[in-house]
Amino acid sequence: MLGPILKKYHSFLMLEKSLSKNTIEAYERDLEKLLVYLDDAKISYKEAKLEHLRDFIVDLSDLGISPRSQARIISGIKSFYRFLQYDEHLEEDPTELLEMPKTGRHLPEVLSLEEINTIISTIDLSKPEGQRNRAIIETLYGSGLRVSELIHLKISNMYVDEGFMKVEGKGSKQRLVPLSHESLKQIKSWMIHRNTLSIKKGNEDFLFLNRRGTKLTRVMIFMITKDLAEQAGIKKNISPHTFRHSFATHLLEGGANLRAIQQMLGHESILTTEIYTHMDVEFLRDTILRFHPSNNPNVSHETK
């Protein structure tokens, strides 16, 4: 059983390494993510090889997890396997050649919660497009959508009472994605203004429209996010995908289950595809409500 070993590992971190309570908790949360990943792949922690650990890190990278967060997770994994070797549970340490992420790689930018709030605060709600843009940012950050998924969102696929929306992702694959409280609030406010538009034929069901009553384009979403970032004085290279990557990073760092994040993003992994077909959508919604900063009453999320 792994339980007694984890208890000994906890004591090792506290007594031998003299780590702080917060650091120990972070190490243990990150270790849990790896153990869940290995369990899905039907690999025990003792059987894990370097290639399995590298696959795990690749999955984190695919989710848009920042290099700094990846480095912290790798540090925790290395610490655990060094302990196993030290305590004579393993003869060889599979993490010995596990490399930290290279800062020179073109990994996606991630916004802090403070930067997200700053961007939101720059939106002028007195302008006709203000409420729409607020709803767009909240939906990108609150649900981690791709820009192509956002522009094709349909009102008929919004299940507001249940707190979900049906999204069509890559390869025309559909999935149910939870809506955060803040996303729901801003979408409802946008719908009030949307009902005043003169909507062009063929665009009646699209959620987000321009002032001429037609569906927004990818280019328009890119322009909206870049303009807001510039107004907020943020120097990072911002795109709609930045909010998707920030969504995944903030959920993961808050303690959310890696499998749930993969499901919500529509991300496929050879090792975890099977569990997606059995994932309970209520569990996904609970993950959003518990771990997303927008739903934490103790965290400021700009103008209410």
C-alpha atoms as a PDB file:
ATOM      1  CA  MET A   1       0.000   0.000   0.000  1.00  0.00           C
ATOM      2  CA  LEU A   2       1.195   3.485  -0.861  1.00  0.00           C
ATOM      3  CA  GLY A   3      -0.396   5.174   2.175  1.00  0.00           C
ATOM      4  CA  PRO A   4       2.363   4.356   4.720  1.00  0.00           C
ATOM      5  CA  ILE A   5       5.047   5.401   2.222  1.00  0.00           C
ATOM      6  CA  LEU A   6       3.348   8.764   1.667  1.00  0.00           C
ATOM      7  CA  LYS A   7       3.214   9.304   5.431  1.00  0.00           C
ATOM      8  CA  LYS A   8       6.911   8.579   5.706  1.00  0.00           C
ATOM      9  CA  TYR A   9       7.565  10.905   2.780  1.00  0.00           C
ATOM     10  CA  HIS A  10       5.624  13.657   4.548  1.00  0.00           C
ATOM     11  CA  SER A  11       7.773  13.180   7.655  1.00  0.00           C
ATOM     12  CA  PHE A  12      10.895  13.139   5.495  1.00  0.00           C
ATOM     13  CA  LEU A  13      10.023  16.519   3.967  1.00  0.00           C
ATOM     14  CA  MET A  14       9.141  18.012   7.327  1.00  0.00           C
ATOM     15  CA  LEU A  15      11.932  16.622   9.507  1.00  0.00           C
ATOM     16  CA  GLU A  16      14.812  15.776   7.185  1.00  0.00           C
ATOM     17  CA  LYS A  17      14.341  18.570   4.653  1.00  0.00           C
ATOM     18  CA  SER A  18      12.841  21.121   7.062  1.00  0.00           C
ATOM     19  CA  LEU A  19      10.482  22.387   4.363  1.00  0.00           C
ATOM     20  CA  SER A  20       7.665  24.787   5.130  1.00  0.00           C
ATOM     21  CA  LYS A  21       4.075  23.590   5.434  1.00  0.00           C
ATOM     22  CA  ASN A  22       3.102  25.339   2.174  1.00  0.00           C
ATOM     23  CA  THR A  23       6.020  23.784   0.262  1.00  0.00           C
ATOM     24  CA  ILE A  24       5.184  20.316   1.582  1.00  0.00           C
ATOM     25  CA  GLU A  25       1.538  20.717   0.578  1.00  0.00           C
ATOM     26  CA  ALA A  26       2.583  21.861  -2.915  1.00  0.00           C
ATOM     27  CA  TYR A  27       4.912  18.859  -3.313  1.00  0.00           C
ATOM     28  CA  GLU A  28       2.178  16.470  -2.206  1.00  0.00           C
ATOM     29  CA  ARG A  29      -0.435  18.012  -4.529  1.00  0.00           C
ATOM     30  CA  ASP A  30       1.926  17.751  -7.483  1.00  0.00           C
ATOM     31  CA  LEU A  31       2.847  14.177  -6.575  1.00  0.00           C
ATOM     32  CA  GLU A  32      -0.860  13.288  -6.478  1.00  0.00           C
ATOM     33  CA  LYS A  33      -1.221  14.530 -10.084  1.00  0.00           C
ATOM     34  CA  LEU A  34       1.567  12.188 -11.178  1.00  0.00           C
ATOM     35  CA  LEU A  35       0.159   9.227  -9.239  1.00  0.00           C
ATOM     36  CA  VAL A  36      -3.280   9.727 -10.833  1.00  0.00           C
ATOM     37  CA  TYR A  37      -1.645   9.939 -14.263  1.00  0.00           C
ATOM     38  CA  LEU A  38       0.321   6.727 -13.699  1.00  0.00           C
ATOM     39  CA  ASP A  39      -2.749   4.972 -12.310  1.00  0.00           C
ATOM     40  CA  ASP A  40      -4.695   5.857 -15.465  1.00  0.00           C
ATOM     41  CA  ALA A  41      -1.866   4.359 -17.489  1.00  0.00           C
ATOM     42  CA  LYS A  42      -1.912   1.276 -15.220  1.00  0.00           C
ATOM     43  CA  ILE A  43       1.693   1.873 -14.193  1.00  0.00           C
ATOM     44  CA  SER A  44       2.748   1.684 -10.553  1.00  0.00           C
ATOM     45  CA  TYR A  45       5.026   4.369  -9.123  1.00  0.00           C
ATOM     46  CA  LYS A  46       7.735   1.712  -8.732  1.00  0.00           C
ATOM     47  CA  GLU A  47       7.496   0.697 -12.397  1.00  0.00           C
ATOM     48  CA  ALA A  48       7.573   4.264 -13.744  1.00  0.00           C
ATOM     49  CA  LYS A  49      10.458   4.902 -16.117  1.00  0.00           C
ATOM     50  CA  LEU A  50      11.987   8.098 -17.422  1.00  0.00           C
ATOM     51  CA  GLU A  51       9.848   7.953 -20.586  1.00  0.00           C
ATOM     52  CA  HIS A  52       6.642   7.772 -18.521  1.00  0.00           C
ATOM     53  CA  LEU A  53       7.637  10.811 -16.509  1.00  0.00           C
ATOM     54  CA  ARG A  54       8.547  12.681 -19.674  1.00  0.00           C
ATOM     55  CA  ASP A  55       5.131  11.847 -21.140  1.00  0.00           C
ATOM     56  CA  PHE A  56       3.535  13.291 -18.026  1.00  0.00           C
ATOM     57  CA  ILE A  57       5.485  16.541 -18.415  1.00  0.00           C
ATOM     58  CA  VAL A  58       4.577  16.704 -22.115  1.00  0.00           C
ATOM     59  CA  ASP A  59       0.911  16.486 -21.116  1.00  0.00           C
ATOM     60  CA  LEU A  60       1.413  19.406 -18.739  1.00  0.00           C
ATOM     61  CA  SER A  61       3.036  21.399 -21.524  1.00  0.00           C
ATOM     62  CA  ASP A  62       0.185  20.573 -23.912  1.00  0.00           C
ATOM     63  CA  LEU A  63      -2.229  21.949 -21.334  1.00  0.00           C
ATOM     64  CA  GLY A  64      -0.376  25.255 -21.446  1.00  0.00           C
ATOM     65  CA  ILE A  65       1.115  24.901 -17.955  1.00  0.00           C
ATOM     66  CA  SER A  66       3.821  27.534 -17.511  1.00  0.00           C
ATOM     67  CA  PRO A  67       7.521  26.532 -17.403  1.00  0.00           C
ATOM     68  CA  ARG A  68       7.747  27.767 -13.810  1.00  0.00           C
ATOM     69  CA  SER A  69       4.847  25.548 -12.747  1.00  0.00           C
ATOM     70  CA  GLN A  70       6.309  22.614 -14.685  1.00  0.00           C
ATOM     71  CA  ALA A  71       9.637  23.138 -12.916  1.00  0.00           C
ATOM     72  CA  ARG A  72       7.938  23.097  -9.515  1.00  0.00           C
ATOM     73  CA  ILE A  73       6.100  19.886 -10.356  1.00  0.00           C
ATOM     74  CA  ILE A  74       9.313  18.248 -11.585  1.00  0.00           C
ATOM     75  CA  SER A  75      11.077  19.306  -8.364  1.00  0.00           C
ATOM     76  CA  GLY A  76       8.362  17.593  -6.345  1.00  0.00           C
ATOM     77  CA  ILE A  77       8.577  14.419  -8.423  1.00  0.00           C
ATOM     78  CA  LYS A  78      12.373  14.331  -8.100  1.00  0.00           C
ATOM     79  CA  SER A  79      12.082  14.796  -4.349  1.00  0.00           C
ATOM     80  CA  PHE A  80       9.703  11.843  -4.045  1.00  0.00           C
ATOM     81  CA  TYR A  81      11.858   9.471  -6.046  1.00  0.00           C
ATOM     82  CA  ARG A  82      15.006  10.529  -4.216  1.00  0.00           C
ATOM     83  CA  PHE A  83      13.182   9.695  -0.990  1.00  0.00           C
ATOM     84  CA  LEU A  84      12.167   6.268  -2.355  1.00  0.00           C
ATOM     85  CA  GLN A  85      15.793   5.548  -3.185  1.00  0.00           C
ATOM     86  CA  TYR A  86      16.987   6.952   0.152  1.00  0.00           C
ATOM     87  CA  ASP A  87      14.457   4.789   2.035  1.00  0.00           C
ATOM     88  CA  GLU A  88      15.477   1.726  -0.021  1.00  0.00           C
ATOM     89  CA  HIS A  89      12.149   1.290  -1.816  1.00  0.00           C
ATOM     90  CA  LEU A  90      13.870   1.657  -5.194  1.00  0.00           C
ATOM     91  CA  GLU A  91      17.365   0.876  -6.393  1.00  0.00           C
ATOM     92  CA  GLU A  92      17.398   3.421  -9.223  1.00  0.00           C
ATOM     93  CA  ASP A  93      15.951   6.924  -9.464  1.00  0.00           C
ATOM     94  CA  PRO A  94      14.009   7.307 -12.765  1.00  0.00           C
ATOM     95  CA  THR A  95      14.044  11.114 -12.410  1.00  0.00           C
ATOM     96  CA  GLU A  96      17.830  11.403 -12.518  1.00  0.00           C
ATOM     97  CA  LEU A  97      17.797  12.459 -16.185  1.00  0.00           C
ATOM     98  CA  LEU A  98      14.443  14.270 -16.052  1.00  0.00           C
ATOM     99  CA  GLU A  99      15.170  17.782 -17.298  1.00  0.00           C
ATOM    100  CA  MET A 100      13.645  21.046 -16.222  1.00  0.00           C
ATOM    101  CA  PRO A 101      11.731  22.956 -18.959  1.00  0.00           C
ATOM    102  CA  LYS A 102      13.966  25.141 -21.076  1.00  0.00           C
ATOM    103  CA  THR A 103      13.176  28.817 -20.743  1.00  0.00           C
ATOM    104  CA  GLY A 104      14.083  29.341 -24.382  1.00  0.00           C
ATOM    105  CA  ARG A 105      11.173  27.219 -25.624  1.00  0.00           C
ATOM    106  CA  HIS A 106       8.218  29.069 -27.125  1.00  0.00           C
ATOM    107  CA  LEU A 107       5.719  28.066 -24.488  1.00  0.00           C
ATOM    108  CA  PRO A 108       2.488  30.025 -24.170  1.00  0.00           C
ATOM    109  CA  GLU A 109       2.267  33.088 -21.951  1.00  0.00           C
ATOM    110  CA  VAL A 110       0.239  32.809 -18.776  1.00  0.00           C
ATOM    111  CA  LEU A 111      -1.528  35.738 -17.137  1.00  0.00           C
ATOM    112  CA  SER A 112      -1.690  36.129 -13.379  1.00  0.00           C
ATOM    113  CA  LEU A 113      -5.080  36.642 -11.737  1.00  0.00           C
ATOM    114  CA  GLU A 114      -4.063  40.255 -11.104  1.00  0.00           C
ATOM    115  CA  GLU A 115      -3.369  40.738 -14.817  1.00  0.00           C
ATOM    116  CA  ILE A 116      -6.703  39.142 -15.715  1.00  0.00           C
ATOM    117  CA  ASN A 117      -8.436  41.568 -13.355  1.00  0.00           C
ATOM    118  CA  THR A 118      -6.552  44.510 -14.838  1.00  0.00           C
ATOM    119  CA  ILE A 119      -7.632  43.559 -18.354  1.00  0.00           C
ATOM    120  CA  ILE A 120     -11.247  43.211 -17.249  1.00  0.00           C
ATOM    121  CA  SER A 121     -11.132  46.584 -15.503  1.00  0.00           C
ATOM    122  CA  THR A 122     -10.152  48.302 -18.778  1.00  0.00           C
ATOM    123  CA  ILE A 123     -13.396  47.251 -20.503  1.00  0.00           C
ATOM    124  CA  ASP A 124     -15.706  50.229 -20.923  1.00  0.00           C
ATOM    125  CA  LEU A 125     -19.186  48.850 -20.240  1.00  0.00           C
ATOM    126  CA  SER A 126     -20.757  52.096 -21.402  1.00  0.00           C
ATOM    127  CA  LYS A 127     -19.796  51.300 -24.990  1.00  0.00           C
ATOM    128  CA  PRO A 128     -22.083  49.057 -27.104  1.00  0.00           C
ATOM    129  CA  GLU A 129     -19.410  46.357 -27.395  1.00  0.00           C
ATOM    130  CA  GLY A 130     -18.307  46.609 -23.740  1.00  0.00           C
ATOM    131  CA  GLN A 131     -20.612  43.982 -22.247  1.00  0.00           C
ATOM    132  CA  ARG A 132     -19.957  41.639 -25.165  1.00  0.00           C
ATOM    133  CA  ASN A 133     -16.188  41.920 -24.677  1.00  0.00           C
ATOM    134  CA  ARG A 134     -16.544  41.331 -20.941  1.00  0.00           C
ATOM    135  CA  ALA A 135     -18.556  38.174 -21.639  1.00  0.00           C
ATOM    136  CA  ILE A 136     -15.964  37.044 -24.201  1.00  0.00           C
ATOM    137  CA  ILE A 137     -13.043  37.416 -21.764  1.00  0.00           C
ATOM    138  CA  GLU A 138     -14.957  35.713 -18.953  1.00  0.00           C
ATOM    139  CA  THR A 139     -15.857  32.812 -21.268  1.00  0.00           C
ATOM    140  CA  LEU A 140     -12.303  32.402 -22.569  1.00  0.00           C
ATOM    141  CA  TYR A 141     -10.801  32.501 -19.083  1.00  0.00           C
ATOM    142  CA  GLY A 142     -13.709  30.882 -17.238  1.00  0.00           C
ATOM    143  CA  SER A 143     -13.997  27.825 -19.488  1.00  0.00           C
ATOM    144  CA  GLY A 144     -10.704  27.607 -21.407  1.00  0.00           C
ATOM    145  CA  LEU A 145     -12.200  27.661 -24.910  1.00  0.00           C
ATOM    146  CA  ARG A 146     -10.241  27.779 -28.143  1.00  0.00           C
ATOM    147  CA  VAL A 147     -10.975  30.895 -30.213  1.00  0.00           C
ATOM    148  CA  SER A 148     -12.609  28.752 -32.923  1.00  0.00           C
ATOM    149  CA  GLU A 149     -14.903  27.246 -30.287  1.00  0.00           C
ATOM    150  CA  LEU A 150     -15.803  30.669 -28.937  1.00  0.00           C
ATOM    151  CA  ILE A 151     -16.890  32.202 -32.237  1.00  0.00           C
ATOM    152  CA  HIS A 152     -19.053  29.175 -33.038  1.00  0.00           C
ATOM    153  CA  LEU A 153     -20.856  29.081 -29.681  1.00  0.00           C
ATOM    154  CA  LYS A 154     -24.595  28.816 -30.231  1.00  0.00           C
ATOM    155  CA  ILE A 155     -27.408  29.968 -27.987  1.00  0.00           C
ATOM    156  CA  SER A 156     -29.170  26.655 -28.581  1.00  0.00           C
ATOM    157  CA  ASN A 157     -26.165  24.921 -27.007  1.00  0.00           C
ATOM    158  CA  MET A 158     -26.160  27.064 -23.851  1.00  0.00           C
ATOM    159  CA  TYR A 159     -27.723  25.234 -20.915  1.00  0.00           C
ATOM    160  CA  VAL A 160     -27.776  28.178 -18.547  1.00  0.00           C
ATOM    161  CA  ASP A 161     -29.937  26.598 -15.839  1.00  0.00           C
ATOM    162  CA  GLU A 162     -27.621  23.577 -15.678  1.00  0.00           C
ATOM    163  CA  GLY A 163     -24.452  25.699 -15.917  1.00  0.00           C
ATOM    164  CA  PHE A 164     -23.060  24.009 -19.059  1.00  0.00           C
ATOM    165  CA  MET A 165     -22.531  24.714 -22.724  1.00  0.00           C
ATOM    166  CA  LYS A 166     -22.042  22.296 -25.608  1.00  0.00           C
ATOM    167  CA  VAL A 167     -18.823  23.055 -27.478  1.00  0.00           C
ATOM    168  CA  GLU A 168     -17.685  21.737 -30.845  1.00  0.00           C
ATOM    169  CA  GLY A 169     -13.933  21.273 -30.778  1.00  0.00           C
ATOM    170  CA  LYS A 170     -11.293  19.910 -33.131  1.00  0.00           C
ATOM    171  CA  GLY A 171     -12.488  17.248 -35.531  1.00  0.00           C
ATOM    172  CA  SER A 172     -16.116  18.299 -34.922  1.00  0.00           C
ATOM    173  CA  LYS A 173     -15.985  16.511 -31.563  1.00  0.00           C
ATOM    174  CA  GLN A 174     -18.544  17.823 -29.100  1.00  0.00           C
ATOM    175  CA  ARG A 175     -18.112  18.089 -25.354  1.00  0.00           C
ATOM    176  CA  LEU A 176     -19.959  19.628 -22.426  1.00  0.00           C
ATOM    177  CA  VAL A 177     -18.024  22.445 -20.768  1.00  0.00           C
ATOM    178  CA  PRO A 178     -18.948  23.932 -17.379  1.00  0.00           C
ATOM    179  CA  LEU A 179     -19.670  27.658 -17.105  1.00  0.00           C
ATOM    180  CA  SER A 180     -18.313  29.567 -14.113  1.00  0.00           C
ATOM    181  CA  HIS A 181     -20.649  31.792 -12.119  1.00  0.00           C
ATOM    182  CA  GLU A 182     -18.978  34.899 -13.513  1.00  0.00           C
ATOM    183  CA  SER A 183     -19.210  33.666 -17.104  1.00  0.00           C
ATOM    184  CA  LEU A 184     -22.916  32.975 -16.666  1.00  0.00           C
ATOM    185  CA  LYS A 185     -23.497  36.408 -15.164  1.00  0.00           C
ATOM    186  CA  GLN A 186     -21.715  38.252 -17.974  1.00  0.00           C
ATOM    187  CA  ILE A 187     -23.304  36.172 -20.752  1.00  0.00           C
ATOM    188  CA  LYS A 188     -26.769  36.938 -19.358  1.00  0.00           C
ATOM    189  CA  SER A 189     -25.932  40.650 -19.321  1.00  0.00           C
ATOM    190  CA  TRP A 190     -24.660  40.438 -22.919  1.00  0.00           C
ATOM    191  CA  MET A 191     -27.854  38.688 -24.037  1.00  0.00           C
ATOM    192  CA  ILE A 192     -29.889  41.703 -22.912  1.00  0.00           C
ATOM    193  CA  HIS A 193     -27.885  43.953 -25.244  1.00  0.00           C
ATOM    194  CA  ARG A 194     -27.751  41.313 -27.969  1.00  0.00           C
ATOM    195  CA  ASN A 195     -31.541  41.309 -28.141  1.00  0.00           C
ATOM    196  CA  THR A 196     -31.445  44.962 -29.269  1.00  0.00           C
ATOM    197  CA  LEU A 197     -29.327  44.193 -32.352  1.00  0.00           C
ATOM    198  CA  SER A 198     -30.610  43.793 -35.869  1.00  0.00           C
ATOM    199  CA  ILE A 199     -29.355  40.266 -36.524  1.00  0.00           C
ATOM    200  CA  LYS A 200     -28.556  39.180 -40.077  1.00  0.00           C
ATOM    201  CA  LYS A 201     -30.160  36.042 -41.457  1.00  0.00           C
ATOM    202  CA  GLY A 202     -28.129  32.922 -40.697  1.00  0.00           C
ATOM    203  CA  ASN A 203     -26.607  34.430 -37.536  1.00  0.00           C
ATOM    204  CA  GLU A 204     -29.607  34.151 -35.232  1.00  0.00           C
ATOM    205  CA  ASP A 205     -28.156  31.296 -33.147  1.00  0.00           C
ATOM    206  CA  PHE A 206     -24.559  32.515 -32.705  1.00  0.00           C
ATOM    207  CA  LEU A 207     -23.924  33.832 -29.197  1.00  0.00           C
ATOM    208  CA  PHE A 208     -21.335  36.512 -29.962  1.00  0.00           C
ATOM    209  CA  LEU A 209     -22.077  39.010 -32.737  1.00  0.00           C
ATOM    210  CA  ASN A 210     -20.590  42.239 -34.047  1.00  0.00           C
ATOM    211  CA  ARG A 211     -22.546  45.489 -34.166  1.00  0.00           C
ATOM    212  CA  ARG A 212     -23.787  44.595 -37.675  1.00  0.00           C
ATOM    213  CA  GLY A 213     -25.464  41.472 -36.326  1.00  0.00           C
ATOM    214  CA  THR A 214     -23.094  38.887 -37.795  1.00  0.00           C
ATOM    215  CA  LYS A 215     -20.837  36.257 -36.200  1.00  0.00           C
ATOM    216  CA  LEU A 216     -17.466  37.445 -34.973  1.00  0.00           C
ATOM    217  CA  THR A 217     -14.320  36.247 -36.742  1.00  0.00           C
ATOM    218  CA  ARG A 218     -11.117  34.799 -35.291  1.00  0.00           C
ATOM    219  CA  VAL A 219      -9.290  37.975 -36.306  1.00  0.00           C
ATOM    220  CA  MET A 220     -11.778  40.100 -34.397  1.00  0.00           C
ATOM    221  CA  ILE A 221     -11.283  38.069 -31.200  1.00  0.00           C
ATOM    222  CA  PHE A 222      -7.512  38.424 -31.551  1.00  0.00           C
ATOM    223  CA  MET A 223      -7.899  42.192 -31.985  1.00  0.00           C
ATOM    224  CA  ILE A 224     -10.178  42.476 -28.948  1.00  0.00           C
ATOM    225  CA  THR A 225      -7.780  40.611 -26.643  1.00  0.00           C
ATOM    226  CA  LYS A 226      -4.679  42.441 -27.899  1.00  0.00           C
ATOM    227  CA  ASP A 227      -6.332  45.869 -27.604  1.00  0.00           C
ATOM    228  CA  LEU A 228      -7.499  45.157 -24.049  1.00  0.00           C
ATOM    229  CA  ALA A 229      -4.027  43.936 -23.041  1.00  0.00           C
ATOM    230  CA  GLU A 230      -2.441  47.099 -24.470  1.00  0.00           C
ATOM    231  CA  GLN A 231      -4.946  49.300 -22.655  1.00  0.00           C
ATOM    232  CA  ALA A 232      -4.136  47.420 -19.443  1.00  0.00           C
ATOM    233  CA  GLY A 233      -0.413  48.066 -19.954  1.00  0.00           C
ATOM    234  CA  ILE A 234       0.465  44.377 -20.145  1.00  0.00           C
ATOM    235  CA  LYS A 235       3.625  43.750 -22.162  1.00  0.00           C
ATOM    236  CA  LYS A 236       3.171  40.005 -22.641  1.00  0.00           C
ATOM    237  CA  ASN A 237       2.323  38.604 -26.070  1.00  0.00           C
ATOM    238  CA  ILE A 238      -1.408  38.164 -25.526  1.00  0.00           C
ATOM    239  CA  SER A 239      -3.800  36.164 -27.705  1.00  0.00           C
ATOM    240  CA  PRO A 240      -7.141  34.451 -27.039  1.00  0.00           C
ATOM    241  CA  HIS A 241      -5.188  31.265 -26.293  1.00  0.00           C
ATOM    242  CA  THR A 242      -3.422  33.074 -23.443  1.00  0.00           C
ATOM    243  CA  PHE A 243      -6.670  32.972 -21.492  1.00  0.00           C
ATOM    244  CA  ARG A 244      -7.057  29.239 -22.256  1.00  0.00           C
ATOM    245  CA  HIS A 245      -3.561  28.536 -20.948  1.00  0.00           C
ATOM    246  CA  SER A 246      -4.145  30.739 -17.899  1.00  0.00           C
ATOM    247  CA  PHE A 247      -7.373  28.840 -17.199  1.00  0.00           C
ATOM    248  CA  ALA A 248      -5.528  25.500 -17.184  1.00  0.00           C
ATOM    249  CA  THR A 249      -2.590  26.781 -15.137  1.00  0.00           C
ATOM    250  CA  HIS A 250      -4.721  28.431 -12.462  1.00  0.00           C
ATOM    251  CA  LEU A 251      -6.907  25.350 -12.069  1.00  0.00           C
ATOM    252  CA  LEU A 252      -3.894  23.048 -11.822  1.00  0.00           C
ATOM    253  CA  GLU A 253      -2.077  25.278  -9.347  1.00  0.00           C
ATOM    254  CA  GLY A 254      -5.270  25.535  -7.308  1.00  0.00           C
ATOM    255  CA  GLY A 255      -5.315  21.754  -6.893  1.00  0.00           C
ATOM    256  CA  ALA A 256      -7.740  20.681  -9.632  1.00  0.00           C
ATOM    257  CA  ASN A 257      -7.616  17.159 -11.037  1.00  0.00           C
ATOM    258  CA  LEU A 258      -5.463  16.901 -14.178  1.00  0.00           C
ATOM    259  CA  ARG A 259      -7.933  14.570 -15.897  1.00  0.00           C
ATOM    260  CA  ALA A 260     -10.795  17.019 -15.370  1.00  0.00           C
ATOM    261  CA  ILE A 261      -8.746  19.857 -16.894  1.00  0.00           C
ATOM    262  CA  GLN A 262      -7.899  17.689 -19.907  1.00  0.00           C
ATOM    263  CA  GLN A 263     -11.574  16.891 -20.398  1.00  0.00           C
ATOM    264  CA  MET A 264     -12.667  20.502 -20.134  1.00  0.00           C
ATOM    265  CA  LEU A 265     -10.053  21.606 -22.671  1.00  0.00           C
ATOM    266  CA  GLY A 266     -10.946  18.831 -25.116  1.00  0.00           C
ATOM    267  CA  HIS A 267      -7.340  17.653 -24.892  1.00  0.00           C
ATOM    268  CA  GLU A 268      -6.655  14.068 -25.983  1.00  0.00           C
ATOM    269  CA  SER A 269      -3.976  11.801 -24.595  1.00  0.00           C
ATOM    270  CA  ILE A 270      -3.313   8.253 -25.744  1.00  0.00           C
ATOM    271  CA  LEU A 271      -3.010   7.101 -22.140  1.00  0.00           C
ATOM    272  CA  THR A 272      -6.181   8.778 -20.859  1.00  0.00           C
ATOM    273  CA  THR A 273      -8.639   8.712 -23.784  1.00  0.00           C
ATOM    274  CA  GLU A 274     -10.651   5.883 -22.234  1.00  0.00           C
ATOM    275  CA  ILE A 275     -11.482   7.744 -19.036  1.00  0.00           C
ATOM    276  CA  TYR A 276     -12.914  10.683 -20.998  1.00  0.00           C
ATOM    277  CA  THR A 277     -15.887   8.604 -22.133  1.00  0.00           C
ATOM    278  CA  HIS A 278     -16.775   7.889 -18.508  1.00  0.00           C
ATOM    279  CA  MET A 279     -16.120  11.330 -16.999  1.00  0.00           C
ATOM    280  CA  ASP A 280     -19.093  12.664 -15.041  1.00  0.00           C
ATOM    281  CA  VAL A 281     -19.969  16.168 -16.273  1.00  0.00           C
ATOM    282  CA  GLU A 282     -21.158  17.126 -12.786  1.00  0.00           C
ATOM    283  CA  PHE A 283     -17.644  16.350 -11.541  1.00  0.00           C
ATOM    284  CA  LEU A 284     -16.254  18.735 -14.178  1.00  0.00           C
ATOM    285  CA  ARG A 285     -18.593  21.509 -13.105  1.00  0.00           C
ATOM    286  CA  ASP A 286     -17.664  20.922  -9.460  1.00  0.00           C
ATOM    287  CA  THR A 287     -13.986  21.276 -10.436  1.00  0.00           C
ATOM    288  CA  ILE A 288     -14.665  24.680 -12.021  1.00  0.00           C
ATOM    289  CA  LEU A 289     -16.691  25.904  -9.054  1.00  0.00           C
ATOM    290  CA  ARG A 290     -14.174  24.707  -6.467  1.00  0.00           C
ATOM    291  CA  PHE A 291     -10.857  25.622  -8.034  1.00  0.00           C
ATOM    292  CA  HIS A 292     -11.340  28.475 -10.528  1.00  0.00           C
ATOM    293  CA  PRO A 293     -10.376  31.884  -9.039  1.00  0.00           C
ATOM    294  CA  SER A 294     -13.571  33.467 -10.414  1.00  0.00           C
ATOM    295  CA  ASN A 295     -15.603  31.404  -7.974  1.00  0.00           C
ATOM    296  CA  ASN A 296     -13.479  32.034  -4.888  1.00  0.00           C
ATOM    297  CA  PRO A 297     -15.195  34.636  -2.685  1.00  0.00           C
ATOM    298  CA  ASN A 298     -11.845  35.413  -1.032  1.00  0.00           C
ATOM    299  CA  VAL A 299     -10.223  36.406  -4.350  1.00  0.00           C
ATOM    300  CA  SER A 300     -10.966  39.767  -5.972  1.00  0.00           C
ATOM    301  CA  HIS A 301     -12.242  39.483  -9.526  1.00  0.00           C
ATOM    302  CA  GLU A 302     -12.843  43.075 -10.481  1.00  0.00           C
ATOM    303  CA  THR A 303     -16.018  45.025 -10.883  1.00  0.00           C
ATOM    304  CA  LYS A 304     -19.157  43.274  -9.739  1.00  0.00           C
END
